[in-house]
């Protein structure tokens, strides 16, 4: 039985790491006033009838802190990239040039910064919920083991370890939130 408990604990840690990584990735997509290729990473363009990520049809460069330069590998993709950016929720106006698309990232207003901080808090709260769901699932599995005849002390110890893991990962999510919030609010 203890091997089974250890397996559940290992699975819990792995799932919590995935939830933390997912939250971290989602936070990189929230712009903090600086240009970042991650801003357009999920943007899809119509590539010969197939929705394709921008990164698979173009190079995305950051020539300076407030500019993104997207250079497609095929010239005929310029119009598609421009259209995809206009139709996205980025709120940026693409400027089509001879060999690429330039995106100027405007400075953030105080209100926009506050909105982005709310978005960060929502995303980190979703991360915490994912971690808590892992805890709930593992604890449910441990209770089933208890019904199947596992030692009560072993189950109690395992539940305590799951709670410690949960607390540790929630602290890490809070650290991600604080870091991103500081990044957004810094002018």
N, C-alpha and C. Protein backbone atom coordinates (compact mmCIF):
# COMPACT_ATOMS: atom_id res chain seq x y z
N UNK A 1 0.82 -1.21 0.00
CA UNK A 1 0.00 0.00 0.00
C UNK A 1 0.85 1.26 0.00
N UNK A 2 1.98 1.25 0.70
CA UNK A 2 2.79 2.48 0.78
C UNK A 2 3.35 2.87 -0.58
N UNK A 3 3.60 1.91 -1.45
CA UNK A 3 4.05 2.23 -2.81
C UNK A 3 2.96 2.98 -3.56
N UNK A 4 1.72 2.54 -3.36
CA UNK A 4 0.59 3.18 -4.01
C UNK A 4 0.43 4.62 -3.50
N UNK A 5 0.61 4.81 -2.19
CA UNK A 5 0.53 6.15 -1.61
C UNK A 5 1.63 7.03 -2.19
N UNK A 6 2.83 6.49 -2.28
CA UNK A 6 3.96 7.25 -2.84
C UNK A 6 3.67 7.64 -4.30
N UNK A 7 3.05 6.73 -5.02
CA UNK A 7 2.71 7.01 -6.42
C UNK A 7 1.73 8.19 -6.49
N UNK A 8 0.73 8.19 -5.61
CA UNK A 8 -0.24 9.30 -5.59
C UNK A 8 0.46 10.62 -5.25
N UNK A 9 1.39 10.58 -4.30
CA UNK A 9 2.11 11.80 -3.91
C UNK A 9 2.97 12.32 -5.06
N UNK A 10 3.64 11.39 -5.76
CA UNK A 10 4.47 11.78 -6.91
C UNK A 10 3.60 12.38 -8.02
N UNK A 11 2.46 11.75 -8.26
CA UNK A 11 1.53 12.27 -9.27
C UNK A 11 1.03 13.67 -8.89
N UNK A 12 0.75 13.84 -7.60
CA UNK A 12 0.27 15.15 -7.12
C UNK A 12 1.33 16.21 -7.36
N UNK A 13 2.57 15.90 -7.03
CA UNK A 13 3.64 16.89 -7.23
C UNK A 13 3.81 17.22 -8.71
N UNK A 14 3.77 16.20 -9.55
CA UNK A 14 3.91 16.40 -10.99
C UNK A 14 2.77 17.26 -11.54
N UNK A 15 1.55 16.97 -11.13
CA UNK A 15 0.40 17.73 -11.59
C UNK A 15 0.46 19.18 -11.11
N UNK A 16 0.92 19.37 -9.88
CA UNK A 16 1.04 20.73 -9.35
C UNK A 16 2.12 21.52 -10.09
N UNK A 17 3.20 20.83 -10.46
CA UNK A 17 4.25 21.50 -11.26
C UNK A 17 3.68 21.93 -12.60
N UNK A 18 2.88 21.07 -13.21
CA UNK A 18 2.27 21.41 -14.50
C UNK A 18 1.34 22.61 -14.35
N UNK A 19 0.57 22.66 -13.27
CA UNK A 19 -0.33 23.79 -13.03
C UNK A 19 0.46 25.08 -12.85
N UNK A 20 1.58 24.99 -12.12
CA UNK A 20 2.45 26.16 -11.92
C UNK A 20 3.05 26.62 -13.24
N UNK A 21 3.54 25.68 -14.04
CA UNK A 21 4.12 26.03 -15.34
C UNK A 21 3.07 26.65 -16.26
N UNK A 22 1.87 26.10 -16.24
CA UNK A 22 0.80 26.64 -17.08
C UNK A 22 0.50 28.09 -16.67
N UNK A 23 0.44 28.34 -15.37
CA UNK A 23 0.19 29.70 -14.89
C UNK A 23 1.31 30.62 -15.33
N UNK A 24 2.54 30.16 -15.23
CA UNK A 24 3.69 30.96 -15.63
C UNK A 24 3.62 31.32 -17.11
N UNK A 25 3.27 30.35 -17.94
CA UNK A 25 3.16 30.58 -19.38
C UNK A 25 2.05 31.59 -19.67
N UNK A 26 0.92 31.44 -19.00
CA UNK A 26 -0.20 32.37 -19.20
C UNK A 26 0.19 33.79 -18.80
N UNK A 27 0.99 33.91 -17.74
CA UNK A 27 1.40 35.25 -17.29
C UNK A 27 2.36 35.91 -18.28
N UNK A 28 3.16 35.12 -18.98
CA UNK A 28 4.08 35.72 -19.95
C UNK A 28 3.31 36.32 -21.13
N UNK A 29 2.09 35.85 -21.34
CA UNK A 29 1.29 36.37 -22.45
C UNK A 29 0.66 37.73 -22.12
N UNK A 30 0.64 38.07 -20.84
CA UNK A 30 0.08 39.37 -20.44
C UNK A 30 1.19 40.40 -20.58
N UNK A 31 0.96 41.38 -21.45
CA UNK A 31 2.04 42.32 -21.73
C UNK A 31 2.23 43.29 -20.58
N UNK A 32 3.46 43.67 -20.38
CA UNK A 32 3.79 44.56 -19.27
C UNK A 32 4.39 45.86 -19.80
N UNK A 33 3.92 46.31 -20.96
CA UNK A 33 4.42 47.57 -21.52
C UNK A 33 5.65 47.39 -22.37
N UNK A 34 6.24 46.21 -22.32
CA UNK A 34 7.43 45.94 -23.12
C UNK A 34 7.06 44.94 -24.22
N UNK A 35 7.69 45.09 -25.35
CA UNK A 35 7.45 44.17 -26.46
C UNK A 35 8.02 42.80 -26.11
N UNK A 36 7.27 41.77 -26.46
CA UNK A 36 7.72 40.41 -26.22
C UNK A 36 7.13 39.50 -27.30
N UNK A 37 7.94 38.60 -27.87
CA UNK A 37 7.41 37.68 -28.88
C UNK A 37 6.25 36.84 -28.35
N UNK A 38 6.18 36.63 -27.03
CA UNK A 38 5.10 35.83 -26.44
C UNK A 38 3.74 36.48 -26.67
N UNK A 39 3.72 37.79 -26.93
CA UNK A 39 2.45 38.49 -27.15
C UNK A 39 1.71 37.97 -28.37
N UNK A 40 2.45 37.55 -29.39
CA UNK A 40 1.82 37.09 -30.63
C UNK A 40 1.96 35.59 -30.83
N UNK A 41 2.52 34.91 -29.83
CA UNK A 41 2.79 33.48 -29.92
C UNK A 41 1.55 32.65 -30.29
N UNK A 42 0.42 32.97 -29.68
CA UNK A 42 -0.80 32.18 -29.91
C UNK A 42 -1.61 32.66 -31.10
N UNK A 43 -1.19 33.75 -31.72
CA UNK A 43 -1.91 34.30 -32.86
C UNK A 43 -1.81 33.32 -34.03
N UNK A 44 -2.93 33.06 -34.66
CA UNK A 44 -2.95 32.12 -35.78
C UNK A 44 -3.27 32.87 -37.06
N UNK A 45 -2.54 32.50 -38.12
CA UNK A 45 -2.77 33.10 -39.44
C UNK A 45 -3.23 32.00 -40.39
N UNK A 46 -3.94 32.41 -41.43
CA UNK A 46 -4.43 31.46 -42.42
C UNK A 46 -3.29 31.15 -43.39
N UNK A 47 -2.71 29.97 -43.25
CA UNK A 47 -1.60 29.56 -44.11
C UNK A 47 -2.11 28.49 -45.05
N UNK A 48 -2.46 28.91 -46.26
CA UNK A 48 -3.02 28.01 -47.28
C UNK A 48 -4.20 27.21 -46.73
N UNK A 49 -5.10 27.92 -46.04
CA UNK A 49 -6.31 27.29 -45.55
C UNK A 49 -6.20 26.64 -44.18
N UNK A 50 -5.02 26.67 -43.57
CA UNK A 50 -4.83 26.05 -42.27
C UNK A 50 -4.46 27.11 -41.24
N UNK A 51 -5.20 27.19 -40.12
CA UNK A 51 -4.80 28.14 -39.06
C UNK A 51 -3.46 27.70 -38.46
N UNK A 52 -2.45 28.55 -38.60
CA UNK A 52 -1.09 28.21 -38.20
C UNK A 52 -0.54 29.28 -37.27
N UNK A 53 0.19 28.88 -36.20
CA UNK A 53 0.79 29.89 -35.32
C UNK A 53 1.77 30.77 -36.10
N UNK A 54 1.81 32.05 -35.74
CA UNK A 54 2.71 33.00 -36.41
C UNK A 54 4.16 32.51 -36.40
N UNK A 55 4.56 31.90 -35.29
CA UNK A 55 5.95 31.46 -35.16
C UNK A 55 6.34 30.41 -36.21
N UNK A 56 5.35 29.78 -36.85
CA UNK A 56 5.65 28.76 -37.86
C UNK A 56 5.67 29.32 -39.28
N UNK A 57 5.34 30.62 -39.42
CA UNK A 57 5.37 31.22 -40.76
C UNK A 57 6.24 32.47 -40.82
N UNK A 58 6.77 32.90 -39.65
CA UNK A 58 7.54 34.14 -39.63
C UNK A 58 8.49 34.18 -38.45
N UNK A 59 9.49 35.07 -38.57
CA UNK A 59 10.37 35.38 -37.44
C UNK A 59 9.76 36.54 -36.68
N UNK A 60 9.76 36.45 -35.35
CA UNK A 60 9.28 37.56 -34.52
C UNK A 60 10.47 38.10 -33.76
N UNK A 61 10.81 39.36 -34.02
CA UNK A 61 11.98 39.98 -33.39
C UNK A 61 11.54 41.18 -32.56
N UNK A 62 12.39 41.54 -31.61
CA UNK A 62 12.14 42.71 -30.75
C UNK A 62 13.30 43.69 -30.96
N UNK A 63 13.18 44.59 -31.96
CA UNK A 63 14.27 45.53 -32.22
C UNK A 63 14.51 46.52 -31.07
N UNK A 64 13.44 46.90 -30.36
CA UNK A 64 13.60 47.73 -29.17
C UNK A 64 12.46 47.43 -28.20
N UNK A 65 12.46 48.05 -27.03
CA UNK A 65 11.52 47.71 -25.96
C UNK A 65 10.06 47.94 -26.32
N UNK A 66 9.79 48.77 -27.32
CA UNK A 66 8.40 49.10 -27.65
C UNK A 66 8.00 48.67 -29.06
N UNK A 67 8.77 47.80 -29.68
CA UNK A 67 8.48 47.41 -31.06
C UNK A 67 8.64 45.90 -31.25
N UNK A 68 7.70 45.34 -31.98
CA UNK A 68 7.80 43.95 -32.44
C UNK A 68 7.89 43.99 -33.95
N UNK A 69 8.78 43.21 -34.52
CA UNK A 69 8.92 43.13 -35.97
C UNK A 69 8.66 41.68 -36.38
N UNK A 70 7.66 41.50 -37.23
CA UNK A 70 7.30 40.16 -37.70
C UNK A 70 7.66 40.08 -39.17
N UNK A 71 8.63 39.19 -39.49
CA UNK A 71 9.07 39.03 -40.88
C UNK A 71 8.70 37.64 -41.37
N UNK A 72 7.69 37.58 -42.25
CA UNK A 72 7.26 36.26 -42.75
C UNK A 72 8.31 35.68 -43.70
N UNK A 73 8.33 34.36 -43.77
CA UNK A 73 9.27 33.68 -44.65
C UNK A 73 8.78 33.75 -46.09
N UNK A 74 7.48 33.95 -46.26
CA UNK A 74 6.91 34.10 -47.60
C UNK A 74 6.22 35.46 -47.67
N UNK A 75 6.54 36.25 -48.68
CA UNK A 75 5.99 37.61 -48.81
C UNK A 75 4.46 37.64 -48.83
N UNK A 76 3.85 36.60 -49.43
CA UNK A 76 2.39 36.61 -49.54
C UNK A 76 1.69 36.46 -48.19
N UNK A 77 2.44 36.22 -47.13
CA UNK A 77 1.85 36.08 -45.80
C UNK A 77 1.69 37.43 -45.09
N UNK A 78 2.26 38.50 -45.65
CA UNK A 78 2.17 39.82 -45.02
C UNK A 78 0.72 40.22 -44.74
N UNK A 79 -0.13 40.11 -45.75
CA UNK A 79 -1.53 40.51 -45.60
C UNK A 79 -2.24 39.64 -44.56
N UNK A 80 -1.97 38.34 -44.56
CA UNK A 80 -2.60 37.42 -43.61
C UNK A 80 -2.20 37.76 -42.17
N UNK A 81 -0.91 38.05 -41.97
CA UNK A 81 -0.42 38.40 -40.63
C UNK A 81 -1.07 39.70 -40.17
N UNK A 82 -1.11 40.69 -41.05
CA UNK A 82 -1.73 41.98 -40.72
C UNK A 82 -3.20 41.77 -40.33
N UNK A 83 -3.92 40.96 -41.12
CA UNK A 83 -5.32 40.69 -40.85
C UNK A 83 -5.51 39.99 -39.50
N UNK A 84 -4.65 39.01 -39.21
CA UNK A 84 -4.75 38.26 -37.96
C UNK A 84 -4.53 39.19 -36.75
N UNK A 85 -3.59 40.11 -36.87
CA UNK A 85 -3.31 41.03 -35.76
C UNK A 85 -4.49 41.99 -35.57
N UNK A 86 -5.03 42.50 -36.67
CA UNK A 86 -6.19 43.41 -36.56
C UNK A 86 -7.39 42.71 -35.93
N UNK A 87 -7.59 41.44 -36.26
CA UNK A 87 -8.75 40.70 -35.75
C UNK A 87 -8.53 40.14 -34.35
N UNK A 88 -7.31 40.24 -33.82
CA UNK A 88 -7.01 39.69 -32.49
C UNK A 88 -7.46 40.66 -31.40
N UNK A 89 -7.32 40.22 -30.15
CA UNK A 89 -7.68 41.08 -29.03
C UNK A 89 -6.45 41.80 -28.46
N UNK A 90 -5.39 41.91 -29.27
CA UNK A 90 -4.17 42.59 -28.81
C UNK A 90 -4.37 44.09 -28.65
N UNK A 91 -5.25 44.65 -29.46
CA UNK A 91 -5.47 46.09 -29.39
C UNK A 91 -4.32 46.88 -29.99
N UNK A 92 -3.59 46.27 -30.92
CA UNK A 92 -2.45 46.92 -31.57
C UNK A 92 -2.75 47.12 -33.05
N UNK A 93 -2.19 48.19 -33.61
CA UNK A 93 -2.37 48.47 -35.02
C UNK A 93 -1.11 48.06 -35.78
N UNK A 94 -1.21 47.06 -36.65
CA UNK A 94 -0.04 46.62 -37.40
C UNK A 94 0.28 47.60 -38.53
N UNK A 95 1.57 47.82 -38.75
CA UNK A 95 2.00 48.64 -39.87
C UNK A 95 2.76 47.74 -40.84
N UNK A 96 2.17 47.54 -42.01
CA UNK A 96 2.77 46.66 -43.00
C UNK A 96 3.89 47.41 -43.72
N UNK A 97 5.06 46.80 -43.77
CA UNK A 97 6.20 47.38 -44.46
C UNK A 97 6.57 46.46 -45.61
N UNK A 98 7.61 46.82 -46.34
CA UNK A 98 8.01 46.04 -47.52
C UNK A 98 8.31 44.58 -47.17
N UNK A 99 9.02 44.35 -46.08
CA UNK A 99 9.45 42.99 -45.76
C UNK A 99 8.87 42.42 -44.48
N UNK A 100 7.96 43.15 -43.82
CA UNK A 100 7.42 42.65 -42.57
C UNK A 100 6.30 43.50 -42.03
N UNK A 101 5.89 43.15 -40.82
CA UNK A 101 4.84 43.88 -40.13
C UNK A 101 5.43 44.41 -38.82
N UNK A 102 5.28 45.71 -38.61
CA UNK A 102 5.80 46.35 -37.40
C UNK A 102 4.64 46.61 -36.45
N UNK A 103 4.85 46.25 -35.18
CA UNK A 103 3.86 46.53 -34.14
C UNK A 103 4.50 47.45 -33.12
N UNK A 104 3.96 48.66 -32.97
CA UNK A 104 4.44 49.57 -31.94
C UNK A 104 3.59 49.35 -30.69
N UNK A 105 4.25 49.10 -29.59
CA UNK A 105 3.56 48.84 -28.33
C UNK A 105 3.46 50.17 -27.58
N UNK A 106 2.25 50.69 -27.41
CA UNK A 106 2.12 51.97 -26.71
C UNK A 106 2.42 51.83 -25.22
N UNK A 107 2.83 52.94 -24.61
CA UNK A 107 3.05 52.94 -23.16
C UNK A 107 1.70 52.68 -22.48
N UNK A 108 1.74 51.99 -21.37
CA UNK A 108 0.50 51.65 -20.68
C UNK A 108 0.00 52.83 -19.85
N UNK A 109 -1.31 53.05 -19.90
CA UNK A 109 -1.91 54.07 -19.05
C UNK A 109 -2.10 53.46 -17.66
N UNK A 110 -2.34 54.31 -16.68
CA UNK A 110 -2.54 53.82 -15.31
C UNK A 110 -3.74 52.86 -15.25
N UNK A 111 -4.82 53.22 -15.96
CA UNK A 111 -6.02 52.37 -15.96
C UNK A 111 -5.72 51.02 -16.61
N UNK A 112 -4.98 51.04 -17.71
CA UNK A 112 -4.62 49.79 -18.40
C UNK A 112 -3.75 48.92 -17.50
N UNK A 113 -2.84 49.55 -16.76
CA UNK A 113 -1.99 48.80 -15.83
C UNK A 113 -2.84 48.10 -14.78
N UNK A 114 -3.83 48.83 -14.25
CA UNK A 114 -4.71 48.24 -13.24
C UNK A 114 -5.50 47.08 -13.83
N UNK A 115 -5.98 47.24 -15.06
CA UNK A 115 -6.72 46.16 -15.73
C UNK A 115 -5.83 44.93 -15.91
N UNK A 116 -4.57 45.17 -16.29
CA UNK A 116 -3.65 44.05 -16.48
C UNK A 116 -3.36 43.35 -15.14
N UNK A 117 -3.25 44.13 -14.06
CA UNK A 117 -3.03 43.52 -12.74
C UNK A 117 -4.23 42.65 -12.37
N UNK A 118 -5.44 43.11 -12.69
CA UNK A 118 -6.64 42.29 -12.43
C UNK A 118 -6.56 40.99 -13.24
N UNK A 119 -6.11 41.11 -14.48
CA UNK A 119 -5.98 39.93 -15.35
C UNK A 119 -4.95 38.96 -14.74
N UNK A 120 -3.85 39.51 -14.22
CA UNK A 120 -2.82 38.68 -13.58
C UNK A 120 -3.41 37.97 -12.36
N UNK A 121 -4.16 38.71 -11.56
CA UNK A 121 -4.77 38.11 -10.36
C UNK A 121 -5.75 37.00 -10.74
N UNK A 122 -6.54 37.23 -11.79
CA UNK A 122 -7.48 36.19 -12.25
C UNK A 122 -6.73 34.95 -12.71
N UNK A 123 -5.65 35.15 -13.45
CA UNK A 123 -4.87 34.02 -13.97
C UNK A 123 -4.21 33.25 -12.83
N UNK A 124 -3.65 33.96 -11.85
CA UNK A 124 -3.00 33.26 -10.74
C UNK A 124 -4.04 32.56 -9.87
N UNK A 125 -5.22 33.14 -9.74
CA UNK A 125 -6.28 32.47 -8.97
C UNK A 125 -6.68 31.18 -9.68
N UNK A 126 -6.75 31.22 -11.00
CA UNK A 126 -7.06 30.00 -11.76
C UNK A 126 -5.97 28.94 -11.53
N UNK A 127 -4.72 29.38 -11.44
CA UNK A 127 -3.61 28.46 -11.15
C UNK A 127 -3.76 27.82 -9.77
N UNK A 128 -4.15 28.64 -8.80
CA UNK A 128 -4.36 28.11 -7.44
C UNK A 128 -5.50 27.10 -7.43
N UNK A 129 -6.55 27.39 -8.19
CA UNK A 129 -7.70 26.47 -8.26
C UNK A 129 -7.25 25.14 -8.85
N UNK A 130 -6.40 25.20 -9.91
CA UNK A 130 -5.90 23.95 -10.51
C UNK A 130 -5.11 23.15 -9.47
N UNK A 131 -4.29 23.84 -8.68
CA UNK A 131 -3.49 23.14 -7.66
C UNK A 131 -4.40 22.54 -6.60
N UNK A 132 -5.40 23.29 -6.18
CA UNK A 132 -6.34 22.77 -5.16
C UNK A 132 -7.13 21.58 -5.70
N UNK A 133 -7.45 21.61 -6.99
CA UNK A 133 -8.16 20.48 -7.59
C UNK A 133 -7.30 19.22 -7.57
N UNK A 134 -6.00 19.40 -7.79
CA UNK A 134 -5.08 18.25 -7.71
C UNK A 134 -5.12 17.69 -6.29
N UNK A 135 -5.06 18.60 -5.29
CA UNK A 135 -5.11 18.15 -3.88
C UNK A 135 -6.39 17.36 -3.63
N UNK A 136 -7.52 17.90 -4.09
CA UNK A 136 -8.81 17.24 -3.87
C UNK A 136 -8.83 15.85 -4.50
N UNK A 137 -8.35 15.76 -5.74
CA UNK A 137 -8.34 14.46 -6.44
C UNK A 137 -7.47 13.44 -5.70
N UNK A 138 -6.29 13.88 -5.27
CA UNK A 138 -5.38 12.96 -4.57
C UNK A 138 -5.99 12.54 -3.23
N UNK A 139 -6.56 13.49 -2.51
CA UNK A 139 -7.17 13.15 -1.22
C UNK A 139 -8.33 12.17 -1.41
N UNK A 140 -9.11 12.35 -2.48
CA UNK A 140 -10.19 11.40 -2.77
C UNK A 140 -9.63 10.00 -3.03
N UNK A 141 -8.53 9.95 -3.78
CA UNK A 141 -7.90 8.65 -4.06
C UNK A 141 -7.37 8.01 -2.79
N UNK A 142 -6.80 8.84 -1.90
CA UNK A 142 -6.29 8.32 -0.63
C UNK A 142 -7.43 7.77 0.23
N UNK A 143 -8.57 8.44 0.22
CA UNK A 143 -9.73 7.96 0.99
C UNK A 143 -10.21 6.60 0.46
N UNK A 144 -10.13 6.43 -0.86
CA UNK A 144 -10.51 5.13 -1.43
C UNK A 144 -9.55 4.05 -0.94
N UNK A 145 -8.25 4.41 -0.85
CA UNK A 145 -7.27 3.44 -0.33
C UNK A 145 -7.61 3.05 1.11
N UNK A 146 -8.04 4.06 1.88
CA UNK A 146 -8.40 3.82 3.28
C UNK A 146 -9.56 2.81 3.35
N UNK A 147 -10.55 2.99 2.47
CA UNK A 147 -11.68 2.07 2.43
C UNK A 147 -11.24 0.68 2.00
N UNK A 148 -10.18 0.63 1.16
CA UNK A 148 -9.67 -0.67 0.68
C UNK A 148 -8.73 -1.32 1.69
N UNK A 149 -8.60 -0.73 2.87
CA UNK A 149 -7.83 -1.39 3.93
C UNK A 149 -6.45 -0.83 4.19
N UNK A 150 -6.12 0.35 3.68
CA UNK A 150 -4.81 0.94 3.97
C UNK A 150 -4.79 1.42 5.42
N UNK A 151 -3.60 1.52 5.99
CA UNK A 151 -3.45 1.97 7.37
C UNK A 151 -3.87 3.43 7.49
N UNK A 152 -4.69 3.72 8.51
CA UNK A 152 -5.21 5.07 8.69
C UNK A 152 -4.09 6.08 8.91
N UNK A 153 -3.06 5.69 9.67
CA UNK A 153 -1.93 6.59 9.93
C UNK A 153 -1.21 6.95 8.63
N UNK A 154 -1.01 5.97 7.78
CA UNK A 154 -0.32 6.20 6.50
C UNK A 154 -1.11 7.18 5.64
N UNK A 155 -2.43 7.03 5.63
CA UNK A 155 -3.29 7.92 4.84
C UNK A 155 -3.23 9.34 5.41
N UNK A 156 -3.30 9.46 6.75
CA UNK A 156 -3.23 10.78 7.40
C UNK A 156 -1.90 11.46 7.07
N UNK A 157 -0.80 10.71 7.14
CA UNK A 157 0.52 11.27 6.80
C UNK A 157 0.55 11.73 5.34
N UNK A 158 -0.02 10.91 4.46
CA UNK A 158 -0.04 11.25 3.03
C UNK A 158 -0.86 12.52 2.80
N UNK A 159 -2.01 12.62 3.48
CA UNK A 159 -2.84 13.82 3.33
C UNK A 159 -2.09 15.06 3.81
N UNK A 160 -1.34 14.91 4.88
CA UNK A 160 -0.55 16.04 5.40
C UNK A 160 0.53 16.44 4.38
N UNK A 161 1.15 15.45 3.74
CA UNK A 161 2.16 15.74 2.73
C UNK A 161 1.54 16.44 1.52
N UNK A 162 0.35 16.00 1.13
CA UNK A 162 -0.36 16.64 0.00
C UNK A 162 -0.66 18.09 0.35
N UNK A 163 -1.06 18.34 1.60
CA UNK A 163 -1.36 19.71 2.02
C UNK A 163 -0.09 20.57 2.00
N UNK A 164 1.03 19.98 2.44
CA UNK A 164 2.30 20.72 2.41
C UNK A 164 2.68 21.08 0.97
N UNK A 165 2.52 20.11 0.07
CA UNK A 165 2.79 20.35 -1.35
C UNK A 165 1.91 21.47 -1.89
N UNK A 166 0.62 21.39 -1.55
CA UNK A 166 -0.34 22.40 -2.01
C UNK A 166 0.09 23.78 -1.53
N UNK A 167 0.41 23.88 -0.24
CA UNK A 167 0.82 25.18 0.33
C UNK A 167 2.07 25.71 -0.37
N UNK A 168 3.04 24.83 -0.62
CA UNK A 168 4.29 25.24 -1.26
C UNK A 168 4.04 25.76 -2.68
N UNK A 169 3.19 25.07 -3.42
CA UNK A 169 2.93 25.50 -4.80
C UNK A 169 2.08 26.77 -4.85
N UNK A 170 1.20 26.95 -3.89
CA UNK A 170 0.40 28.19 -3.86
C UNK A 170 1.32 29.37 -3.55
N UNK A 171 2.31 29.17 -2.70
CA UNK A 171 3.29 30.23 -2.42
C UNK A 171 4.05 30.58 -3.71
N UNK A 172 4.40 29.57 -4.50
CA UNK A 172 5.11 29.82 -5.76
C UNK A 172 4.23 30.61 -6.74
N UNK A 173 2.93 30.29 -6.78
CA UNK A 173 2.01 31.04 -7.64
C UNK A 173 1.93 32.49 -7.17
N UNK A 174 1.87 32.68 -5.85
CA UNK A 174 1.83 34.04 -5.31
C UNK A 174 3.10 34.82 -5.68
N UNK A 175 4.24 34.12 -5.67
CA UNK A 175 5.50 34.77 -6.07
C UNK A 175 5.45 35.20 -7.53
N UNK A 176 4.92 34.32 -8.39
CA UNK A 176 4.76 34.67 -9.81
C UNK A 176 3.88 35.91 -9.95
N UNK A 177 2.79 35.95 -9.17
CA UNK A 177 1.87 37.07 -9.24
C UNK A 177 2.57 38.37 -8.82
N UNK A 178 3.29 38.33 -7.71
CA UNK A 178 3.97 39.53 -7.21
C UNK A 178 4.98 40.05 -8.22
N UNK A 179 5.72 39.13 -8.81
CA UNK A 179 6.74 39.50 -9.79
C UNK A 179 6.11 40.16 -11.02
N UNK A 180 5.03 39.56 -11.53
CA UNK A 180 4.36 40.08 -12.72
C UNK A 180 3.69 41.42 -12.41
N UNK A 181 3.11 41.52 -11.22
CA UNK A 181 2.46 42.77 -10.82
C UNK A 181 3.48 43.91 -10.76
N UNK A 182 4.65 43.63 -10.18
CA UNK A 182 5.70 44.64 -10.09
C UNK A 182 6.16 45.04 -11.49
N UNK A 183 6.26 44.04 -12.38
CA UNK A 183 6.68 44.30 -13.76
C UNK A 183 5.69 45.22 -14.47
N UNK A 184 4.40 44.99 -14.25
CA UNK A 184 3.37 45.80 -14.89
C UNK A 184 3.33 47.22 -14.33
N UNK A 185 3.43 47.33 -13.02
CA UNK A 185 3.28 48.65 -12.39
C UNK A 185 4.53 49.52 -12.49
N UNK A 186 5.67 48.91 -12.87
CA UNK A 186 6.89 49.69 -13.06
C UNK A 186 6.82 50.44 -14.37
N UNK A 187 7.02 51.72 -14.29
CA UNK A 187 6.92 52.56 -15.51
C UNK A 187 8.28 52.66 -16.18
